Structure formats: structure tokens, C-alpha cells
Amino acid sequence: MNNMLNEKKNFIRHVLMNSPPGKLYDLVKDINILLGSSVSIQKILEEVLKDYNEKNYNFILTDKNEYVITCKKFKVNHLYFIPKLKALVHVNHLKRTANVLETVKELKYPEQLENYR
């Protein structure tokens, strides 16, 4: 069973990471039809979509009508930072939604960056 799930995961990763521009979510729908929409498949899709979005610096509209750039540089734990709003955002890569969770009061910069402020 675990081997079958790994094969599905590798298939999903290969198909989605090599998808043509603008066709990613069409392929997600097709994968849901082919492999079903079980919890394990949805978790795999969420993980692969996160990797795809971070690799391609995709923008996702937040509930505050601002865009968050999904990249590793703006990621804090499992949240993304929006400099314009000074806020941390939770992104659901599968549903393409982003919700502002908390505002950051003060940012801690390394000493080396203080010279550039």
C-alpha cells in the first residue's frame, strides 16, 4: 500500500512540476478524477502545489486584496510574509486562497543589514 502511494506521489509530482503555464489547476482536476480525492491524495497535491508555487514565485490573492509571493525567502515556518501589509499569511495552495493571520509589529534584522537601512 505504501509503495502504491509513493508511486502516485511520484506521478503527481512529475506531472504537476512539468505542467505548461496556465494548465496547472486543470491538471489538478484531472488528477482528482483519475486518482480520486482521498485525504492522502489531497495532502500530496497540497505538498506538490506548494513546491510548484515556491519554485515559480506564484502570486496568490489574499483576503485583503493584496498579493502574496509564494517563495521560500518570504516563508516563516508555514506562513508567508507580505512586506507591504507587514503581515503573515496562511496560504492554501490547493484552493488558491490566502488569509492574513497576524500583523508583524517589529521585524528583527541581522546586524549586517542595519548598515543598509
N, C-alpha and C. Protein backbone atom coordinates (compact mmCIF):
# COMPACT_ATOMS: atom_id res chain seq x y z
N MET A 1 0.83 -1.21 0.00
CA MET A 1 0.00 0.00 0.00
C MET A 1 0.87 1.26 0.00
N ASN A 2 1.90 1.26 0.84
CA ASN A 2 2.78 2.42 0.93
C ASN A 2 3.53 2.63 -0.38
N ASN A 3 3.93 1.53 -1.03
CA ASN A 3 4.63 1.61 -2.31
C ASN A 3 3.73 2.20 -3.39
N MET A 4 2.46 1.83 -3.37
CA MET A 4 1.49 2.35 -4.33
C MET A 4 1.30 3.86 -4.14
N LEU A 5 1.25 4.29 -2.88
CA LEU A 5 1.10 5.71 -2.58
C LEU A 5 2.33 6.49 -3.04
N ASN A 6 3.52 5.91 -2.86
CA ASN A 6 4.75 6.56 -3.33
C ASN A 6 4.76 6.69 -4.85
N GLU A 7 4.27 5.68 -5.53
CA GLU A 7 4.19 5.75 -7.00
C GLU A 7 3.23 6.85 -7.43
N LYS A 8 2.10 6.96 -6.74
CA LYS A 8 1.15 8.02 -7.06
C LYS A 8 1.76 9.39 -6.79
N LYS A 9 2.48 9.49 -5.67
CA LYS A 9 3.13 10.76 -5.32
C LYS A 9 4.15 11.15 -6.39
N ASN A 10 4.97 10.21 -6.83
CA ASN A 10 5.96 10.49 -7.87
C ASN A 10 5.28 10.88 -9.18
N PHE A 11 4.20 10.21 -9.52
CA PHE A 11 3.44 10.54 -10.73
C PHE A 11 2.88 11.96 -10.65
N ILE A 12 2.24 12.27 -9.53
CA ILE A 12 1.65 13.61 -9.35
C ILE A 12 2.73 14.67 -9.41
N ARG A 13 3.85 14.45 -8.71
CA ARG A 13 4.94 15.42 -8.71
C ARG A 13 5.47 15.64 -10.13
N HIS A 14 5.69 14.56 -10.86
CA HIS A 14 6.22 14.68 -12.22
C HIS A 14 5.26 15.45 -13.13
N VAL A 15 3.99 15.10 -13.09
CA VAL A 15 3.01 15.73 -13.97
C VAL A 15 2.86 17.21 -13.64
N LEU A 16 2.71 17.54 -12.36
CA LEU A 16 2.45 18.94 -11.99
C LEU A 16 3.69 19.82 -12.12
N MET A 17 4.85 19.31 -11.74
CA MET A 17 6.06 20.14 -11.82
C MET A 17 6.45 20.42 -13.28
N ASN A 18 5.96 19.62 -14.20
CA ASN A 18 6.25 19.83 -15.63
C ASN A 18 5.05 20.34 -16.41
N SER A 19 4.07 20.87 -15.71
CA SER A 19 2.86 21.33 -16.39
C SER A 19 3.13 22.61 -17.17
N PRO A 20 2.44 22.78 -18.29
CA PRO A 20 2.59 24.01 -19.07
C PRO A 20 2.00 25.19 -18.31
N PRO A 21 2.49 26.40 -18.57
CA PRO A 21 1.95 27.58 -17.89
C PRO A 21 0.44 27.71 -18.09
N GLY A 22 -0.26 27.98 -17.01
CA GLY A 22 -1.70 28.19 -17.07
C GLY A 22 -2.53 26.92 -17.03
N LYS A 23 -1.90 25.77 -17.04
CA LYS A 23 -2.63 24.49 -17.07
C LYS A 23 -2.54 23.71 -15.77
N LEU A 24 -1.88 24.27 -14.77
CA LEU A 24 -1.64 23.55 -13.52
C LEU A 24 -2.92 23.07 -12.87
N TYR A 25 -3.88 23.96 -12.69
CA TYR A 25 -5.09 23.58 -11.95
C TYR A 25 -6.05 22.74 -12.80
N ASP A 26 -5.91 22.80 -14.12
CA ASP A 26 -6.64 21.85 -14.97
C ASP A 26 -6.11 20.44 -14.74
N LEU A 27 -4.79 20.34 -14.60
CA LEU A 27 -4.19 19.03 -14.33
C LEU A 27 -4.56 18.52 -12.94
N VAL A 28 -4.69 19.43 -11.97
CA VAL A 28 -5.11 19.02 -10.63
C VAL A 28 -6.51 18.40 -10.69
N LYS A 29 -7.41 19.03 -11.46
CA LYS A 29 -8.76 18.47 -11.62
C LYS A 29 -8.70 17.08 -12.26
N ASP A 30 -7.85 16.95 -13.28
CA ASP A 30 -7.71 15.66 -13.96
C ASP A 30 -7.16 14.59 -13.02
N ILE A 31 -6.19 14.97 -12.20
CA ILE A 31 -5.61 14.02 -11.24
C ILE A 31 -6.66 13.58 -10.23
N ASN A 32 -7.50 14.52 -9.78
CA ASN A 32 -8.57 14.16 -8.85
C ASN A 32 -9.54 13.16 -9.49
N ILE A 33 -9.78 13.31 -10.78
CA ILE A 33 -10.67 12.37 -11.48
C ILE A 33 -10.00 11.00 -11.61
N LEU A 34 -8.72 11.00 -11.99
CA LEU A 34 -8.01 9.74 -12.21
C LEU A 34 -7.72 8.97 -10.92
N LEU A 35 -7.25 9.70 -9.90
CA LEU A 35 -6.78 9.03 -8.68
C LEU A 35 -7.75 9.15 -7.52
N GLY A 36 -8.81 9.90 -7.70
CA GLY A 36 -9.76 10.08 -6.60
C GLY A 36 -9.36 11.27 -5.74
N SER A 37 -10.21 11.61 -4.82
CA SER A 37 -9.94 12.77 -3.97
C SER A 37 -9.84 12.36 -2.50
N SER A 38 -9.12 11.27 -2.25
CA SER A 38 -8.93 10.82 -0.87
C SER A 38 -8.05 11.82 -0.12
N VAL A 39 -8.03 11.69 1.18
CA VAL A 39 -7.25 12.60 2.02
C VAL A 39 -5.77 12.51 1.68
N SER A 40 -5.27 11.31 1.45
CA SER A 40 -3.85 11.15 1.14
C SER A 40 -3.49 11.81 -0.19
N ILE A 41 -4.35 11.70 -1.19
CA ILE A 41 -4.11 12.34 -2.49
C ILE A 41 -4.15 13.86 -2.33
N GLN A 42 -5.07 14.37 -1.54
CA GLN A 42 -5.18 15.82 -1.33
C GLN A 42 -3.93 16.36 -0.62
N LYS A 43 -3.40 15.60 0.33
CA LYS A 43 -2.16 16.02 1.02
C LYS A 43 -0.99 16.05 0.05
N ILE A 44 -0.91 15.06 -0.81
CA ILE A 44 0.15 15.03 -1.82
C ILE A 44 0.01 16.22 -2.76
N LEU A 45 -1.20 16.48 -3.22
CA LEU A 45 -1.44 17.62 -4.11
C LEU A 45 -1.04 18.93 -3.44
N GLU A 46 -1.42 19.10 -2.18
CA GLU A 46 -1.08 20.33 -1.44
C GLU A 46 0.44 20.50 -1.37
N GLU A 47 1.14 19.44 -1.07
CA GLU A 47 2.60 19.50 -0.96
C GLU A 47 3.26 19.84 -2.30
N VAL A 48 2.81 19.18 -3.36
CA VAL A 48 3.39 19.41 -4.68
C VAL A 48 3.05 20.81 -5.19
N LEU A 49 1.83 21.27 -4.95
CA LEU A 49 1.45 22.62 -5.37
C LEU A 49 2.25 23.67 -4.62
N LYS A 50 2.52 23.43 -3.35
CA LYS A 50 3.36 24.35 -2.57
C LYS A 50 4.74 24.43 -3.20
N ASP A 51 5.33 23.29 -3.50
CA ASP A 51 6.65 23.27 -4.14
C ASP A 51 6.63 23.96 -5.49
N TYR A 52 5.59 23.71 -6.28
CA TYR A 52 5.46 24.34 -7.60
C TYR A 52 5.35 25.86 -7.46
N ASN A 53 4.48 26.31 -6.56
CA ASN A 53 4.28 27.75 -6.38
C ASN A 53 5.55 28.43 -5.89
N GLU A 54 6.26 27.80 -4.96
CA GLU A 54 7.50 28.39 -4.46
C GLU A 54 8.59 28.39 -5.52
N LYS A 55 8.65 27.36 -6.32
CA LYS A 55 9.66 27.29 -7.38
C LYS A 55 9.41 28.36 -8.44
N ASN A 56 8.15 28.64 -8.73
CA ASN A 56 7.78 29.58 -9.79
C ASN A 56 7.37 30.96 -9.28
N TYR A 57 7.53 31.21 -7.99
CA TYR A 57 7.20 32.51 -7.38
C TYR A 57 5.79 32.97 -7.75
N ASN A 58 4.83 32.10 -7.62
CA ASN A 58 3.45 32.44 -7.98
C ASN A 58 2.83 33.42 -6.99
N PHE A 59 1.93 34.22 -7.50
CA PHE A 59 1.19 35.19 -6.69
C PHE A 59 -0.17 34.60 -6.35
N ILE A 60 -0.60 34.81 -5.10
CA ILE A 60 -1.93 34.38 -4.68
C ILE A 60 -2.60 35.56 -3.99
N LEU A 61 -3.83 35.85 -4.39
CA LEU A 61 -4.58 36.97 -3.84
C LEU A 61 -5.04 36.65 -2.42
N THR A 62 -4.83 37.61 -1.51
CA THR A 62 -5.24 37.42 -0.12
C THR A 62 -6.65 37.95 0.09
N ASP A 63 -7.17 37.73 1.28
CA ASP A 63 -8.49 38.24 1.63
C ASP A 63 -8.49 39.76 1.82
N LYS A 64 -7.30 40.39 1.81
CA LYS A 64 -7.18 41.85 1.92
C LYS A 64 -6.90 42.49 0.56
N ASN A 65 -7.14 41.76 -0.52
CA ASN A 65 -6.91 42.22 -1.90
C ASN A 65 -5.47 42.63 -2.16
N GLU A 66 -4.54 41.95 -1.53
CA GLU A 66 -3.11 42.12 -1.80
C GLU A 66 -2.58 40.75 -2.23
N TYR A 67 -1.51 40.77 -2.99
CA TYR A 67 -0.93 39.51 -3.44
C TYR A 67 0.23 39.11 -2.55
N VAL A 68 0.31 37.82 -2.30
CA VAL A 68 1.46 37.26 -1.59
C VAL A 68 2.30 36.50 -2.61
N ILE A 69 3.61 36.70 -2.53
CA ILE A 69 4.53 35.96 -3.40
C ILE A 69 4.89 34.68 -2.66
N THR A 70 4.60 33.56 -3.27
CA THR A 70 4.92 32.29 -2.62
C THR A 70 6.34 31.89 -2.98
N CYS A 71 7.26 32.25 -2.11
CA CYS A 71 8.65 31.86 -2.29
C CYS A 71 9.25 31.55 -0.92
N LYS A 72 10.33 30.81 -0.93
CA LYS A 72 10.96 30.39 0.32
C LYS A 72 11.54 31.57 1.10
N LYS A 73 11.93 32.63 0.41
CA LYS A 73 12.52 33.79 1.08
C LYS A 73 11.50 34.51 1.96
N PHE A 74 10.23 34.48 1.58
CA PHE A 74 9.17 35.14 2.35
C PHE A 74 8.47 34.19 3.31
N LYS A 75 8.99 32.97 3.44
CA LYS A 75 8.32 31.96 4.27
C LYS A 75 8.87 31.99 5.69
N VAL A 76 7.95 32.03 6.65
CA VAL A 76 8.29 31.95 8.07
C VAL A 76 7.50 30.78 8.63
N ASN A 77 8.21 29.69 8.96
CA ASN A 77 7.58 28.42 9.34
C ASN A 77 6.65 27.99 8.21
N HIS A 78 5.36 27.97 8.40
CA HIS A 78 4.43 27.57 7.33
C HIS A 78 3.63 28.76 6.81
N LEU A 79 4.00 29.98 7.22
CA LEU A 79 3.31 31.19 6.78
C LEU A 79 4.20 31.99 5.83
N TYR A 80 3.58 32.88 5.06
CA TYR A 80 4.32 33.75 4.15
C TYR A 80 4.19 35.19 4.62
N PHE A 81 5.23 35.97 4.39
CA PHE A 81 5.26 37.37 4.82
C PHE A 81 4.95 38.28 3.65
N ILE A 82 4.08 39.28 3.88
CA ILE A 82 3.79 40.31 2.89
C ILE A 82 4.38 41.62 3.41
N PRO A 83 5.47 42.11 2.82
CA PRO A 83 6.11 43.33 3.32
C PRO A 83 5.18 44.54 3.30
N LYS A 84 4.38 44.68 2.26
CA LYS A 84 3.50 45.85 2.15
C LYS A 84 2.52 45.93 3.31
N LEU A 85 1.95 44.81 3.70
CA LEU A 85 0.98 44.78 4.81
C LEU A 85 1.65 44.55 6.16
N LYS A 86 2.93 44.17 6.13
CA LYS A 86 3.65 43.76 7.34
C LYS A 86 2.85 42.69 8.07
N ALA A 87 2.47 41.67 7.33
CA ALA A 87 1.59 40.63 7.89
C ALA A 87 2.05 39.25 7.45
N LEU A 88 1.68 38.27 8.28
CA LEU A 88 1.90 36.87 7.95
C LEU A 88 0.61 36.28 7.41
N VAL A 89 0.74 35.47 6.37
CA VAL A 89 -0.42 34.97 5.65
C VAL A 89 -0.36 33.44 5.57
N HIS A 90 -1.51 32.81 5.78
CA HIS A 90 -1.62 31.36 5.57
C HIS A 90 -2.14 31.14 4.16
N VAL A 91 -1.44 30.31 3.40
CA VAL A 91 -1.81 30.04 2.01
C VAL A 91 -2.28 28.59 1.89
N ASN A 92 -3.44 28.42 1.28
CA ASN A 92 -3.92 27.10 0.91
C ASN A 92 -3.64 26.96 -0.58
N HIS A 93 -2.60 26.21 -0.91
CA HIS A 93 -2.16 26.09 -2.30
C HIS A 93 -3.17 25.34 -3.16
N LEU A 94 -3.90 24.44 -2.57
CA LEU A 94 -4.87 23.65 -3.32
C LEU A 94 -6.07 24.49 -3.74
N LYS A 95 -6.55 25.34 -2.84
CA LYS A 95 -7.71 26.18 -3.14
C LYS A 95 -7.33 27.55 -3.68
N ARG A 96 -6.04 27.85 -3.71
CA ARG A 96 -5.52 29.16 -4.16
C ARG A 96 -6.10 30.31 -3.34
N THR A 97 -6.12 30.13 -2.02
CA THR A 97 -6.60 31.19 -1.12
C THR A 97 -5.50 31.54 -0.14
N ALA A 98 -5.55 32.77 0.34
CA ALA A 98 -4.59 33.24 1.34
C ALA A 98 -5.31 34.12 2.34
N ASN A 99 -5.11 33.83 3.61
CA ASN A 99 -5.76 34.59 4.68
C ASN A 99 -4.71 35.24 5.56
N VAL A 100 -4.86 36.55 5.76
CA VAL A 100 -3.96 37.27 6.65
C VAL A 100 -4.27 36.85 8.08
N LEU A 101 -3.25 36.34 8.77
CA LEU A 101 -3.45 35.85 10.12
C LEU A 101 -3.04 36.84 11.19
N GLU A 102 -1.86 37.43 11.02
CA GLU A 102 -1.40 38.34 12.06
C GLU A 102 -0.49 39.41 11.46
N THR A 103 -0.51 40.56 12.08
CA THR A 103 0.34 41.66 11.67
C THR A 103 1.63 41.59 12.47
N VAL A 104 2.72 41.88 11.80
CA VAL A 104 4.02 41.86 12.46
C VAL A 104 4.32 43.26 12.94
N LYS A 105 4.52 43.41 14.23
CA LYS A 105 4.77 44.74 14.82
C LYS A 105 6.18 45.21 14.52
N GLU A 106 7.15 44.35 14.75
CA GLU A 106 8.54 44.75 14.59
C GLU A 106 9.31 43.60 13.98
N LEU A 107 10.15 43.93 13.03
CA LEU A 107 10.97 42.91 12.41
C LEU A 107 12.37 42.96 12.99
N LYS A 108 12.93 41.82 13.24
CA LYS A 108 14.30 41.72 13.75
C LYS A 108 15.23 41.49 12.57
N TYR A 109 16.13 42.44 12.38
CA TYR A 109 17.10 42.33 11.29
C TYR A 109 18.45 41.90 11.85
N PRO A 110 19.21 41.17 11.07
CA PRO A 110 20.58 40.88 11.49
C PRO A 110 21.39 42.18 11.52
N GLU A 111 22.39 42.23 12.34
CA GLU A 111 23.22 43.43 12.49
C GLU A 111 23.80 43.88 11.14
N GLN A 112 24.15 42.95 10.28
CA GLN A 112 24.75 43.30 8.99
C GLN A 112 23.80 44.12 8.13
N LEU A 113 22.50 43.91 8.27
CA LEU A 113 21.54 44.64 7.45
C LEU A 113 21.27 46.04 7.98
N GLU A 114 21.57 46.30 9.23
CA GLU A 114 21.31 47.62 9.81
C GLU A 114 22.05 48.72 9.05
N ASN A 115 23.22 48.42 8.53
CA ASN A 115 24.00 49.41 7.78
C ASN A 115 23.31 49.84 6.49
N TYR A 116 22.41 49.00 5.97
CA TYR A 116 21.74 49.30 4.71
C TYR A 116 20.39 49.95 4.88
N ARG A 117 19.92 50.07 6.11
CA ARG A 117 18.61 50.66 6.35
C ARG A 117 18.65 52.15 6.20
